[in-house]
Amino acid sequence: MNFEIYRNGEKSNAISSWIAQNRNEYKTGTLSEKKLDKLMGINFPFETIPKKNNDNWHQRLEEWKKGERRSTLVQQWRQRSVKKYLEGKLEIDKIAKLKEVGILS
């Protein structure tokens, strides 16, 4: 049943648990061959791909551009970015973007 729900793209806590259980069984080698074949048939993601903090950086930049400058998260992002810039640790592309929006001159 969870297989069909997952295949249809539905989201729920039960599906999240089912995904975690299948990944764990795969990692420990306890996943049955029949179930493995079935999951491989739908390109089940056995490995997780960690998200990069870079995504949050760009999200905060977009929030800044929209004028959401009073948000604590946006203010913390701005402060961290300026600090990294002053320390010489901020990537060139990010420096350019901060200059475009007037955070850096």
Protein backbone atom coordinates (compact mmCIF):
# COMPACT_ATOMS: atom_id res chain seq x y z
CA MET A 1 0.00 0.00 0.00
CA ASN A 2 2.77 2.50 0.93
CA PHE A 3 4.53 1.58 -2.31
CA GLU A 4 1.55 2.77 -4.36
CA ILE A 5 1.11 5.90 -2.27
CA TYR A 6 4.80 6.75 -2.73
CA ARG A 7 4.70 5.99 -6.44
CA ASN A 8 1.74 8.37 -6.81
CA GLY A 9 3.76 11.14 -5.17
CA GLU A 10 1.63 11.53 -2.07
CA LYS A 11 3.26 12.92 1.07
CA SER A 12 2.55 11.93 4.67
CA ASN A 13 4.30 11.02 7.91
CA ALA A 14 3.60 7.35 7.20
CA ILE A 15 5.35 7.62 3.83
CA SER A 16 8.33 9.40 5.40
CA SER A 17 8.66 6.54 7.90
CA TRP A 18 8.29 3.99 5.12
CA ILE A 19 11.04 5.69 3.09
CA ALA A 20 13.35 5.77 6.12
CA GLN A 21 12.67 2.09 6.83
CA ASN A 22 13.45 1.07 3.24
CA ARG A 23 16.67 3.11 3.26
CA ASN A 24 17.71 1.53 6.53
CA GLU A 25 16.97 -1.99 5.28
CA TYR A 26 18.93 -1.23 2.10
CA LYS A 27 21.95 0.06 4.07
CA THR A 28 21.94 -2.90 6.44
CA GLY A 29 21.40 -5.44 3.67
CA THR A 30 18.10 -6.69 5.09
CA LEU A 31 15.92 -5.50 2.20
CA SER A 32 14.45 -8.49 0.36
CA GLU A 33 15.49 -8.96 -3.25
CA LYS A 34 11.87 -8.79 -4.38
CA LYS A 35 11.32 -5.48 -2.61
CA LEU A 36 14.66 -4.15 -3.88
CA ASP A 37 13.71 -4.94 -7.47
CA LYS A 38 10.32 -3.30 -7.04
CA LEU A 39 11.84 -0.14 -5.53
CA MET A 40 14.53 0.04 -8.19
CA GLY A 41 11.77 -0.13 -10.79
CA ILE A 42 10.47 3.23 -9.61
CA ASN A 43 13.93 4.78 -9.10
CA PHE A 44 13.56 4.84 -5.32
CA PRO A 45 16.16 7.19 -3.77
CA PHE A 46 18.11 4.83 -1.51
CA GLU A 47 20.70 7.48 -0.68
CA THR A 48 19.86 10.88 0.71
CA ILE A 49 21.40 13.97 -0.78
CA PRO A 50 22.27 16.57 1.85
CA LYS A 51 21.11 20.10 1.17
CA LYS A 52 23.74 22.78 1.01
CA ASN A 53 23.50 25.86 3.21
CA ASN A 54 24.09 27.77 -0.02
CA ASP A 55 20.37 27.32 -0.77
CA ASN A 56 19.52 29.23 2.42
CA TRP A 57 21.93 31.99 1.44
CA HIS A 58 20.13 32.55 -1.85
CA GLN A 59 16.74 32.30 -0.16
CA ARG A 60 17.71 35.06 2.28
CA LEU A 61 19.02 37.17 -0.62
CA GLU A 62 15.64 36.87 -2.35
CA GLU A 63 13.86 37.82 0.88
CA TRP A 64 16.13 40.89 1.15
CA LYS A 65 15.30 41.86 -2.43
CA LYS A 66 11.57 41.60 -1.65
CA GLY A 67 11.99 44.02 1.23
CA GLU A 68 11.70 41.48 4.03
CA ARG A 69 14.54 43.16 5.92
CA ARG A 70 13.08 43.10 9.43
CA SER A 71 13.12 39.31 9.59
CA THR A 72 15.56 38.01 12.18
CA LEU A 73 16.79 35.35 9.76
CA VAL A 74 17.43 37.95 7.05
CA GLN A 75 19.25 40.23 9.50
CA GLN A 76 21.42 37.33 10.72
CA TRP A 77 22.15 36.36 7.11
CA ARG A 78 23.20 39.93 6.32
CA GLN A 79 25.45 40.13 9.38
CA ARG A 80 27.13 36.77 8.64
CA SER A 81 27.63 37.71 5.00
CA VAL A 82 29.22 41.06 5.81
CA LYS A 83 31.43 39.44 8.46
CA LYS A 84 32.62 36.79 5.98
CA TYR A 85 33.28 39.54 3.44
CA LEU A 86 35.37 41.52 5.92
CA GLU A 87 37.31 38.37 6.81
CA GLY A 88 37.95 37.68 3.12
CA LYS A 89 35.98 34.43 3.27
CA LEU A 90 32.99 35.29 1.07
CA GLU A 91 32.83 33.88 -2.46
CA ILE A 92 33.23 36.34 -5.34
CA ASP A 93 29.80 35.64 -6.81
CA LYS A 94 28.16 36.36 -3.46
CA ILE A 95 30.13 39.58 -3.09
CA ALA A 96 28.80 40.71 -6.48
CA LYS A 97 25.23 39.89 -5.48
CA LEU A 98 25.54 41.77 -2.19
CA LYS A 99 26.90 44.77 -4.08
CA GLU A 100 23.98 44.60 -6.53
CA VAL A 101 21.45 44.90 -3.71
CA GLY A 102 23.39 47.61 -1.85
CA ILE A 103 24.57 45.63 1.15
CA LEU A 104 28.21 46.09 0.14
CA SER A 105 29.58 49.12 -1.66
